[in-house]
Amino acid sequence: MAMNRRDALKSFVLMMGGTMVGANVLLTGCSPENQIVGLEFSPEDISFLDEVGEAIIPATDTPGAKAVGIGQFMVMMVKETYSGEQQESFVSGLNMIKTDFKKVNGSKFMEATQEERTAYLNELNQKAMTSEDNEPKVIGMLKDLTILGYFTSEIGATQQLRYVEAPGRFDGCADYKKGDRAYAL
């Protein structure tokens, strides 16, 4: 079952209307010119991103975001597709989450339970949706990257969605049963 990740990403971005951060790079193939030189993420940062992704898409009867290595995917996308301004916003947003979580919950994000993490991220998402601030919000970036990385991974496409390696004929009258999985791109 061979999957071409680049084609899947392009299809996903086009389907979403090209609105996600970094979409211009996926569509044009050109990296932004004003990126942060030497931007690096530590293994602890990648583990942190894995846990954030797992709070967004937790493991149920199918593997969660951590199983697809979502932290490494997010790092790759931020380093290769985000502009310098977006990279700064992402890094400062991660630092804000780490310090704010400890302030609100009295413990570090990495030491908290899955329920505490999810509740905090949901609250952060609600604040971002009601805020009139026009700056990119880190929670939106994290959600976009998690969804993109998960559903374009082999696990997401084959275990969460229905993946057809080589599309067959068009069947406009396919039966749909409530609860059927959507098709992967």
N, C-alpha and C. Protein backbone atom coordinates (compact mmCIF):
# COMPACT_ATOMS: atom_id res chain seq x y z
N MET A 1 0.84 -1.16 0.00
CA MET A 1 0.00 0.00 0.00
C MET A 1 0.90 1.24 0.00
N ALA A 2 1.24 1.76 -1.14
CA ALA A 2 2.11 2.92 -1.25
C ALA A 2 1.29 4.21 -1.18
N MET A 3 1.73 5.11 -0.31
CA MET A 3 1.04 6.39 -0.17
C MET A 3 2.02 7.51 -0.50
N ASN A 4 1.63 8.43 -1.36
CA ASN A 4 2.46 9.58 -1.67
C ASN A 4 2.01 10.73 -0.79
N ARG A 5 2.77 10.98 0.27
CA ARG A 5 2.40 11.97 1.29
C ARG A 5 2.28 13.38 0.70
N ARG A 6 3.20 13.75 -0.20
CA ARG A 6 3.18 15.10 -0.77
C ARG A 6 1.87 15.33 -1.55
N ASP A 7 1.47 14.35 -2.36
CA ASP A 7 0.21 14.50 -3.10
C ASP A 7 -0.99 14.56 -2.15
N ALA A 8 -0.94 13.76 -1.09
CA ALA A 8 -2.03 13.78 -0.11
C ALA A 8 -2.11 15.14 0.57
N LEU A 9 -0.98 15.72 0.93
CA LEU A 9 -0.96 17.04 1.57
C LEU A 9 -1.52 18.10 0.64
N LYS A 10 -1.09 18.07 -0.62
CA LYS A 10 -1.61 19.05 -1.58
C LYS A 10 -3.12 18.93 -1.74
N SER A 11 -3.60 17.69 -1.84
CA SER A 11 -5.04 17.47 -1.99
C SER A 11 -5.79 17.97 -0.77
N PHE A 12 -5.24 17.68 0.40
CA PHE A 12 -5.88 18.11 1.64
C PHE A 12 -5.95 19.63 1.72
N VAL A 13 -4.85 20.30 1.40
CA VAL A 13 -4.82 21.76 1.46
C VAL A 13 -5.79 22.35 0.45
N LEU A 14 -5.84 21.80 -0.74
CA LEU A 14 -6.79 22.30 -1.74
C LEU A 14 -8.22 22.09 -1.28
N MET A 15 -8.47 20.93 -0.65
CA MET A 15 -9.80 20.64 -0.15
C MET A 15 -10.20 21.64 0.94
N MET A 16 -9.25 22.02 1.77
CA MET A 16 -9.50 22.97 2.85
C MET A 16 -9.54 24.41 2.32
N GLY A 17 -9.30 24.60 1.06
CA GLY A 17 -9.35 25.93 0.48
C GLY A 17 -8.03 26.67 0.64
N GLY A 18 -6.98 25.95 0.99
CA GLY A 18 -5.67 26.58 1.11
C GLY A 18 -5.59 27.57 2.25
N THR A 19 -6.43 27.41 3.27
CA THR A 19 -6.49 28.39 4.34
C THR A 19 -5.53 28.12 5.49
N MET A 20 -4.96 26.94 5.56
CA MET A 20 -4.11 26.65 6.71
C MET A 20 -2.76 27.37 6.61
N VAL A 21 -2.14 27.58 7.75
CA VAL A 21 -0.84 28.24 7.81
C VAL A 21 0.17 27.35 7.09
N GLY A 22 0.99 27.94 6.24
CA GLY A 22 1.99 27.18 5.50
C GLY A 22 1.47 26.61 4.19
N ALA A 23 0.21 26.86 3.88
CA ALA A 23 -0.39 26.30 2.67
C ALA A 23 0.29 26.81 1.41
N ASN A 24 0.78 28.06 1.44
CA ASN A 24 1.42 28.62 0.25
C ASN A 24 2.64 27.79 -0.15
N VAL A 25 3.35 27.25 0.80
CA VAL A 25 4.52 26.43 0.49
C VAL A 25 4.11 25.12 -0.14
N LEU A 26 3.06 24.50 0.39
CA LEU A 26 2.60 23.24 -0.17
C LEU A 26 2.10 23.42 -1.60
N LEU A 27 1.47 24.54 -1.87
CA LEU A 27 0.90 24.75 -3.18
C LEU A 27 1.92 25.23 -4.20
N THR A 28 2.88 26.06 -3.78
CA THR A 28 3.85 26.61 -4.72
C THR A 28 5.15 25.85 -4.74
N GLY A 29 5.47 25.14 -3.65
CA GLY A 29 6.74 24.41 -3.57
C GLY A 29 7.90 25.30 -3.16
N CYS A 30 7.63 26.55 -2.82
CA CYS A 30 8.69 27.49 -2.43
C CYS A 30 8.63 27.74 -0.94
N SER A 31 9.80 27.80 -0.31
CA SER A 31 9.86 28.10 1.12
C SER A 31 9.78 29.61 1.32
N PRO A 32 9.16 30.04 2.43
CA PRO A 32 9.15 31.46 2.72
C PRO A 32 10.57 31.99 2.85
N GLU A 33 10.80 33.23 2.44
CA GLU A 33 12.14 33.79 2.44
C GLU A 33 12.60 34.26 3.82
N ASN A 34 11.70 34.63 4.68
CA ASN A 34 12.08 35.25 5.94
C ASN A 34 11.97 34.30 7.13
N GLN A 35 12.39 33.06 6.96
CA GLN A 35 12.32 32.09 8.05
C GLN A 35 13.42 32.34 9.07
N ILE A 36 13.20 31.84 10.30
CA ILE A 36 14.19 31.95 11.36
C ILE A 36 15.33 30.98 11.05
N VAL A 37 16.55 31.51 10.97
CA VAL A 37 17.72 30.69 10.67
C VAL A 37 18.11 29.93 11.93
N GLY A 38 18.33 28.63 11.80
CA GLY A 38 18.78 27.82 12.92
C GLY A 38 17.70 27.45 13.92
N LEU A 39 16.44 27.53 13.52
CA LEU A 39 15.35 27.16 14.42
C LEU A 39 15.43 25.66 14.70
N GLU A 40 15.55 25.31 15.95
CA GLU A 40 15.64 23.90 16.33
C GLU A 40 14.67 23.61 17.46
N PHE A 41 14.22 22.38 17.51
CA PHE A 41 13.34 21.90 18.58
C PHE A 41 14.03 20.74 19.27
N SER A 42 14.01 20.75 20.59
CA SER A 42 14.66 19.70 21.38
C SER A 42 13.77 18.45 21.40
N PRO A 43 14.34 17.31 21.79
CA PRO A 43 13.51 16.10 21.95
C PRO A 43 12.37 16.32 22.95
N GLU A 44 12.60 17.17 23.97
CA GLU A 44 11.55 17.48 24.94
C GLU A 44 10.42 18.26 24.26
N ASP A 45 10.78 19.17 23.34
CA ASP A 45 9.76 19.92 22.60
C ASP A 45 8.92 18.99 21.74
N ILE A 46 9.58 18.03 21.11
CA ILE A 46 8.87 17.07 20.25
C ILE A 46 7.94 16.20 21.09
N SER A 47 8.41 15.78 22.27
CA SER A 47 7.55 15.01 23.19
C SER A 47 6.35 15.83 23.63
N PHE A 48 6.59 17.11 23.91
CA PHE A 48 5.51 18.02 24.29
C PHE A 48 4.47 18.11 23.17
N LEU A 49 4.94 18.28 21.93
CA LEU A 49 4.03 18.36 20.78
C LEU A 49 3.27 17.04 20.59
N ASP A 50 3.95 15.91 20.84
CA ASP A 50 3.27 14.60 20.77
C ASP A 50 2.09 14.56 21.76
N GLU A 51 2.32 15.06 22.97
CA GLU A 51 1.28 15.02 24.00
C GLU A 51 0.14 16.00 23.68
N VAL A 52 0.48 17.15 23.12
CA VAL A 52 -0.56 18.10 22.69
C VAL A 52 -1.40 17.45 21.59
N GLY A 53 -0.73 16.84 20.61
CA GLY A 53 -1.45 16.16 19.53
C GLY A 53 -2.33 15.04 20.04
N GLU A 54 -1.84 14.30 21.04
CA GLU A 54 -2.61 13.20 21.62
C GLU A 54 -3.84 13.73 22.36
N ALA A 55 -3.74 14.92 22.94
CA ALA A 55 -4.90 15.53 23.60
C ALA A 55 -5.94 15.97 22.56
N ILE A 56 -5.48 16.34 21.37
CA ILE A 56 -6.39 16.76 20.30
C ILE A 56 -7.03 15.55 19.62
N ILE A 57 -6.22 14.54 19.29
CA ILE A 57 -6.73 13.30 18.70
C ILE A 57 -6.23 12.14 19.57
N PRO A 58 -7.01 11.79 20.61
CA PRO A 58 -6.57 10.73 21.52
C PRO A 58 -6.77 9.34 20.92
N ALA A 59 -6.04 8.41 21.48
CA ALA A 59 -6.21 7.00 21.07
C ALA A 59 -7.55 6.51 21.60
N THR A 60 -8.30 5.84 20.74
CA THR A 60 -9.56 5.21 21.13
C THR A 60 -9.46 3.77 20.66
N ASP A 61 -10.39 3.34 19.82
CA ASP A 61 -10.24 2.02 19.21
C ASP A 61 -9.26 2.08 18.04
N THR A 62 -8.85 3.29 17.67
CA THR A 62 -7.79 3.49 16.68
C THR A 62 -6.67 4.27 17.35
N PRO A 63 -5.44 4.17 16.83
CA PRO A 63 -4.32 4.90 17.44
C PRO A 63 -4.54 6.41 17.38
N GLY A 64 -3.97 7.11 18.35
CA GLY A 64 -4.08 8.56 18.41
C GLY A 64 -2.94 9.24 17.67
N ALA A 65 -2.87 10.56 17.84
CA ALA A 65 -1.89 11.37 17.12
C ALA A 65 -0.45 11.02 17.50
N LYS A 66 -0.23 10.64 18.75
CA LYS A 66 1.13 10.31 19.18
C LYS A 66 1.67 9.11 18.41
N ALA A 67 0.80 8.18 18.05
CA ALA A 67 1.22 6.97 17.33
C ALA A 67 1.78 7.27 15.94
N VAL A 68 1.40 8.41 15.36
CA VAL A 68 1.88 8.75 14.02
C VAL A 68 3.12 9.65 14.08
N GLY A 69 3.60 9.95 15.29
CA GLY A 69 4.76 10.83 15.43
C GLY A 69 4.42 12.26 15.10
N ILE A 70 3.30 12.73 15.63
CA ILE A 70 2.78 14.05 15.27
C ILE A 70 3.74 15.17 15.66
N GLY A 71 4.48 15.00 16.75
CA GLY A 71 5.43 16.03 17.17
C GLY A 71 6.49 16.28 16.11
N GLN A 72 7.05 15.21 15.57
CA GLN A 72 8.07 15.33 14.53
C GLN A 72 7.48 15.96 13.27
N PHE A 73 6.23 15.59 12.94
CA PHE A 73 5.56 16.18 11.78
C PHE A 73 5.37 17.68 11.96
N MET A 74 4.92 18.09 13.16
CA MET A 74 4.71 19.52 13.42
C MET A 74 6.02 20.29 13.28
N VAL A 75 7.09 19.74 13.83
CA VAL A 75 8.40 20.40 13.74
C VAL A 75 8.81 20.57 12.29
N MET A 76 8.66 19.52 11.50
CA MET A 76 9.02 19.59 10.08
C MET A 76 8.20 20.67 9.36
N MET A 77 6.90 20.72 9.62
CA MET A 77 6.05 21.70 8.96
C MET A 77 6.40 23.12 9.38
N VAL A 78 6.64 23.33 10.67
CA VAL A 78 6.96 24.68 11.16
C VAL A 78 8.29 25.14 10.57
N LYS A 79 9.28 24.26 10.54
CA LYS A 79 10.60 24.64 10.05
C LYS A 79 10.62 24.86 8.54
N GLU A 80 9.84 24.09 7.80
CA GLU A 80 9.92 24.14 6.34
C GLU A 80 8.85 24.99 5.66
N THR A 81 7.72 25.22 6.32
CA THR A 81 6.64 25.91 5.61
C THR A 81 6.20 27.21 6.24
N TYR A 82 6.53 27.46 7.49
CA TYR A 82 6.07 28.67 8.16
C TYR A 82 7.03 29.82 7.88
N SER A 83 6.47 31.01 7.79
CA SER A 83 7.29 32.22 7.66
C SER A 83 7.92 32.52 9.02
N GLY A 84 8.87 33.42 9.06
CA GLY A 84 9.53 33.79 10.31
C GLY A 84 8.54 34.27 11.36
N GLU A 85 7.58 35.08 10.92
CA GLU A 85 6.56 35.60 11.84
C GLU A 85 5.70 34.46 12.40
N GLN A 86 5.32 33.52 11.54
CA GLN A 86 4.52 32.39 11.99
C GLN A 86 5.33 31.49 12.91
N GLN A 87 6.61 31.30 12.60
CA GLN A 87 7.48 30.50 13.45
C GLN A 87 7.61 31.12 14.84
N GLU A 88 7.81 32.44 14.88
CA GLU A 88 7.89 33.14 16.17
C GLU A 88 6.60 32.98 16.96
N SER A 89 5.48 33.13 16.28
CA SER A 89 4.18 33.00 16.93
C SER A 89 4.00 31.59 17.48
N PHE A 90 4.43 30.59 16.72
CA PHE A 90 4.30 29.19 17.15
C PHE A 90 5.15 28.92 18.39
N VAL A 91 6.42 29.32 18.34
CA VAL A 91 7.34 29.06 19.46
C VAL A 91 6.90 29.82 20.71
N SER A 92 6.52 31.09 20.55
CA SER A 92 6.08 31.85 21.72
C SER A 92 4.76 31.29 22.26
N GLY A 93 3.91 30.78 21.38
CA GLY A 93 2.66 30.15 21.81
C GLY A 93 2.91 28.89 22.61
N LEU A 94 3.88 28.08 22.19
CA LEU A 94 4.22 26.87 22.94
C LEU A 94 4.75 27.22 24.33
N ASN A 95 5.61 28.24 24.38
CA ASN A 95 6.15 28.68 25.67
C ASN A 95 5.03 29.21 26.57
N MET A 96 4.07 29.94 25.97
CA MET A 96 2.93 30.45 26.73
C MET A 96 2.11 29.29 27.30
N ILE A 97 1.88 28.26 26.50
CA ILE A 97 1.11 27.10 26.97
C ILE A 97 1.81 26.45 28.16
N LYS A 98 3.11 26.27 28.04
CA LYS A 98 3.86 25.61 29.12
C LYS A 98 3.77 26.41 30.42
N THR A 99 3.98 27.72 30.36
CA THR A 99 3.95 28.53 31.59
C THR A 99 2.53 28.73 32.10
N ASP A 100 1.58 28.98 31.21
CA ASP A 100 0.19 29.20 31.62
C ASP A 100 -0.43 27.94 32.21
N PHE A 101 -0.11 26.79 31.63
CA PHE A 101 -0.66 25.54 32.15
C PHE A 101 -0.21 25.32 33.59
N LYS A 102 1.07 25.58 33.84
CA LYS A 102 1.58 25.40 35.20
C LYS A 102 0.93 26.39 36.16
N LYS A 103 0.71 27.62 35.69
CA LYS A 103 0.07 28.65 36.51
C LYS A 103 -1.37 28.26 36.85
N VAL A 104 -2.10 27.74 35.86
CA VAL A 104 -3.51 27.40 36.03
C VAL A 104 -3.71 26.10 36.81
N ASN A 105 -2.89 25.08 36.50
CA ASN A 105 -3.10 23.75 37.07
C ASN A 105 -2.14 23.38 38.20
N GLY A 106 -1.10 24.16 38.39
CA GLY A 106 -0.16 23.87 39.46
C GLY A 106 0.81 22.75 39.16
N SER A 107 0.80 22.23 37.93
CA SER A 107 1.75 21.19 37.53
C SER A 107 2.16 21.43 36.08
N LYS A 108 3.22 20.78 35.67
CA LYS A 108 3.67 20.90 34.29
C LYS A 108 2.74 20.13 33.37
N PHE A 109 2.65 20.58 32.15
CA PHE A 109 1.79 19.94 31.14
C PHE A 109 2.14 18.46 31.01
N MET A 110 3.42 18.16 30.97
CA MET A 110 3.88 16.78 30.76
C MET A 110 3.58 15.88 31.96
N GLU A 111 3.32 16.45 33.13
CA GLU A 111 3.01 15.66 34.33
C GLU A 111 1.52 15.53 34.57
N ALA A 112 0.72 16.23 33.80
CA ALA A 112 -0.74 16.26 34.00
C ALA A 112 -1.40 15.04 33.36
N THR A 113 -2.63 14.80 33.76
CA THR A 113 -3.41 13.71 33.16
C THR A 113 -3.94 14.15 31.80
N GLN A 114 -4.35 13.18 31.02
CA GLN A 114 -4.91 13.47 29.69
C GLN A 114 -6.15 14.35 29.81
N GLU A 115 -6.96 14.14 30.84
CA GLU A 115 -8.17 14.93 31.03
C GLU A 115 -7.84 16.39 31.34
N GLU A 116 -6.81 16.62 32.17
CA GLU A 116 -6.40 17.99 32.50
C GLU A 116 -5.86 18.70 31.26
N ARG A 117 -5.08 17.99 30.46
CA ARG A 117 -4.52 18.57 29.23
C ARG A 117 -5.64 18.95 28.28
N THR A 118 -6.57 18.02 28.08
CA THR A 118 -7.67 18.26 27.15
C THR A 118 -8.54 19.42 27.61
N ALA A 119 -8.84 19.47 28.90
CA ALA A 119 -9.66 20.57 29.44
C ALA A 119 -8.96 21.91 29.23
N TYR A 120 -7.66 21.96 29.47
CA TYR A 120 -6.91 23.20 29.29
C TYR A 120 -6.91 23.62 27.82
N LEU A 121 -6.64 22.69 26.91
CA LEU A 121 -6.60 23.03 25.49
C LEU A 121 -7.98 23.44 24.98
N ASN A 122 -9.04 22.82 25.49
CA ASN A 122 -10.40 23.22 25.11
C ASN A 122 -10.69 24.64 25.57
N GLU A 123 -10.26 24.97 26.79
CA GLU A 123 -10.44 26.32 27.30
C GLU A 123 -9.65 27.33 26.47
N LEU A 124 -8.42 26.97 26.12
CA LEU A 124 -7.59 27.83 25.28
C LEU A 124 -8.24 28.04 23.91
N ASN A 125 -8.83 26.99 23.37
CA ASN A 125 -9.52 27.08 22.09
C ASN A 125 -10.72 28.01 22.19
N GLN A 126 -11.49 27.91 23.27
CA GLN A 126 -12.64 28.80 23.46
C GLN A 126 -12.21 30.25 23.54
N LYS A 127 -11.12 30.52 24.26
CA LYS A 127 -10.60 31.88 24.36
C LYS A 127 -10.18 32.39 22.99
N ALA A 128 -9.52 31.54 22.21
CA ALA A 128 -9.06 31.94 20.88
C ALA A 128 -10.23 32.25 19.95
N MET A 129 -11.32 31.50 20.07
CA MET A 129 -12.49 31.71 19.21
C MET A 129 -13.23 32.98 19.55
N THR A 130 -13.20 33.39 20.81
CA THR A 130 -13.93 34.58 21.21
C THR A 130 -13.07 35.84 21.19
N SER A 131 -11.76 35.66 21.06
CA SER A 131 -10.84 36.80 21.05
C SER A 131 -10.94 37.54 19.72
N GLU A 132 -10.78 38.85 19.77
CA GLU A 132 -10.81 39.65 18.55
C GLU A 132 -9.41 39.93 18.03
N ASP A 133 -8.42 39.30 18.62
CA ASP A 133 -7.03 39.46 18.22
C ASP A 133 -6.82 38.82 16.85
N ASN A 134 -6.20 39.53 15.92
CA ASN A 134 -6.01 39.01 14.57
C ASN A 134 -4.74 38.20 14.38
N GLU A 135 -3.88 38.15 15.40
CA GLU A 135 -2.65 37.39 15.27
C GLU A 135 -2.98 35.90 15.15
N PRO A 136 -2.09 35.15 14.47
CA PRO A 136 -2.32 33.69 14.43
C PRO A 136 -2.32 33.13 15.85
N LYS A 137 -3.24 32.29 16.13
CA LYS A 137 -3.36 31.71 17.46
C LYS A 137 -2.72 30.33 17.45
N VAL A 138 -1.88 30.06 18.45
CA VAL A 138 -1.13 28.81 18.48
C VAL A 138 -2.06 27.60 18.54
N ILE A 139 -3.19 27.73 19.22
CA ILE A 139 -4.09 26.58 19.31
C ILE A 139 -4.63 26.21 17.93
N GLY A 140 -4.90 27.21 17.10
CA GLY A 140 -5.34 26.94 15.73
C GLY A 140 -4.25 26.26 14.92
N MET A 141 -3.01 26.72 15.10
CA MET A 141 -1.89 26.09 14.41
C MET A 141 -1.74 24.64 14.85
N LEU A 142 -1.82 24.41 16.16
CA LEU A 142 -1.67 23.06 16.69
C LEU A 142 -2.77 22.14 16.18
N LYS A 143 -4.00 22.63 16.14
CA LYS A 143 -5.11 21.82 15.63
C LYS A 143 -4.92 21.51 14.15
N ASP A 144 -4.58 22.54 13.36
CA ASP A 144 -4.37 22.34 11.92
C ASP A 144 -3.28 21.31 11.66
N LEU A 145 -2.16 21.47 12.35
CA LEU A 145 -1.04 20.56 12.13
C LEU A 145 -1.36 19.14 12.58
N THR A 146 -2.07 19.02 13.69
CA THR A 146 -2.43 17.69 14.19
C THR A 146 -3.36 16.99 13.22
N ILE A 147 -4.37 17.69 12.77
CA ILE A 147 -5.34 17.09 11.84
C ILE A 147 -4.67 16.74 10.52
N LEU A 148 -3.88 17.66 10.00
CA LEU A 148 -3.19 17.41 8.73
C LEU A 148 -2.24 16.23 8.86
N GLY A 149 -1.42 16.23 9.88
CA GLY A 149 -0.45 15.16 10.07
C GLY A 149 -1.10 13.82 10.31
N TYR A 150 -2.16 13.81 11.10
CA TYR A 150 -2.81 12.54 11.44
C TYR A 150 -3.52 11.94 10.24
N PHE A 151 -4.34 12.72 9.57
CA PHE A 151 -5.17 12.16 8.50
C PHE A 151 -4.40 11.95 7.19
N THR A 152 -3.19 12.46 7.09
CA THR A 152 -2.36 12.15 5.91
C THR A 152 -1.30 11.10 6.24
N SER A 153 -1.31 10.59 7.47
CA SER A 153 -0.40 9.51 7.83
C SER A 153 -1.02 8.18 7.41
N GLU A 154 -0.21 7.15 7.37
CA GLU A 154 -0.74 5.84 7.00
C GLU A 154 -1.77 5.36 8.02
N ILE A 155 -1.49 5.56 9.29
CA ILE A 155 -2.43 5.14 10.34
C ILE A 155 -3.76 5.88 10.19
N GLY A 156 -3.71 7.20 10.06
CA GLY A 156 -4.93 7.99 9.94
C GLY A 156 -5.73 7.65 8.69
N ALA A 157 -5.01 7.46 7.58
CA ALA A 157 -5.70 7.20 6.31
C ALA A 157 -6.25 5.78 6.21
N THR A 158 -5.60 4.83 6.87
CA THR A 158 -6.04 3.44 6.71
C THR A 158 -6.85 2.92 7.88
N GLN A 159 -6.63 3.46 9.09
CA GLN A 159 -7.36 2.95 10.25
C GLN A 159 -8.50 3.87 10.68
N GLN A 160 -8.37 5.16 10.44
CA GLN A 160 -9.42 6.10 10.82
C GLN A 160 -10.34 6.39 9.62
N LEU A 161 -9.76 6.48 8.45
CA LEU A 161 -10.52 6.73 7.22
C LEU A 161 -10.52 5.46 6.38
N ARG A 162 -11.28 5.46 5.30
CA ARG A 162 -11.25 4.35 4.35
C ARG A 162 -10.29 4.74 3.24
N TYR A 163 -9.26 3.96 3.07
CA TYR A 163 -8.24 4.27 2.06
C TYR A 163 -8.38 3.32 0.89
N VAL A 164 -8.47 3.89 -0.31
CA VAL A 164 -8.51 3.10 -1.53
C VAL A 164 -7.25 3.45 -2.30
N GLU A 165 -6.32 2.48 -2.41
CA GLU A 165 -5.02 2.77 -3.01
C GLU A 165 -5.14 3.27 -4.45
N ALA A 166 -5.84 2.55 -5.26
CA ALA A 166 -6.04 2.95 -6.65
C ALA A 166 -7.54 3.10 -6.86
N PRO A 167 -8.01 4.33 -6.96
CA PRO A 167 -9.46 4.50 -7.10
C PRO A 167 -10.02 3.73 -8.28
N GLY A 168 -11.13 3.13 -8.06
CA GLY A 168 -11.80 2.39 -9.12
C GLY A 168 -12.79 3.27 -9.83
N ARG A 169 -13.85 2.68 -10.25
CA ARG A 169 -14.88 3.43 -10.97
C ARG A 169 -15.61 4.37 -10.03
N PHE A 170 -16.22 5.39 -10.60
CA PHE A 170 -17.02 6.31 -9.82
C PHE A 170 -18.37 5.67 -9.57
N ASP A 171 -18.77 5.65 -8.33
CA ASP A 171 -20.07 5.10 -7.96
C ASP A 171 -20.83 6.17 -7.19
N GLY A 172 -21.62 6.94 -7.90
CA GLY A 172 -22.36 8.04 -7.30
C GLY A 172 -23.50 7.60 -6.41
N CYS A 173 -23.86 6.33 -6.47
CA CYS A 173 -24.97 5.82 -5.66
C CYS A 173 -24.47 4.84 -4.60
N ALA A 174 -23.31 5.09 -4.04
CA ALA A 174 -22.77 4.20 -3.01
C ALA A 174 -23.62 4.30 -1.77
N ASP A 175 -23.93 3.17 -1.20
CA ASP A 175 -24.74 3.15 0.02
C ASP A 175 -23.94 3.75 1.17
N TYR A 176 -24.62 4.51 1.98
CA TYR A 176 -24.00 5.09 3.18
C TYR A 176 -24.78 4.60 4.38
N LYS A 177 -24.04 4.06 5.32
CA LYS A 177 -24.65 3.63 6.58
C LYS A 177 -24.16 4.57 7.65
N LYS A 178 -25.05 5.00 8.52
CA LYS A 178 -24.68 5.91 9.60
C LYS A 178 -23.51 5.31 10.38
N GLY A 179 -22.47 6.13 10.54
CA GLY A 179 -21.27 5.69 11.26
C GLY A 179 -20.15 5.21 10.35
N ASP A 180 -20.40 5.12 9.03
CA ASP A 180 -19.34 4.72 8.11
C ASP A 180 -18.22 5.75 8.14
N ARG A 181 -17.00 5.29 7.96
CA ARG A 181 -15.84 6.18 7.94
C ARG A 181 -15.79 6.91 6.61
N ALA A 182 -15.25 8.14 6.62
CA ALA A 182 -15.05 8.91 5.40
C ALA A 182 -13.89 8.30 4.61
N TYR A 183 -13.80 8.63 3.34
CA TYR A 183 -12.70 8.14 2.52
C TYR A 183 -11.49 9.03 2.68
N ALA A 184 -10.29 8.44 2.66
CA ALA A 184 -9.04 9.19 2.71
C ALA A 184 -8.78 9.78 1.34
N LEU A 185 -7.99 10.86 1.31
CA LEU A 185 -7.65 11.50 0.04
C LEU A 185 -6.60 10.72 -0.68
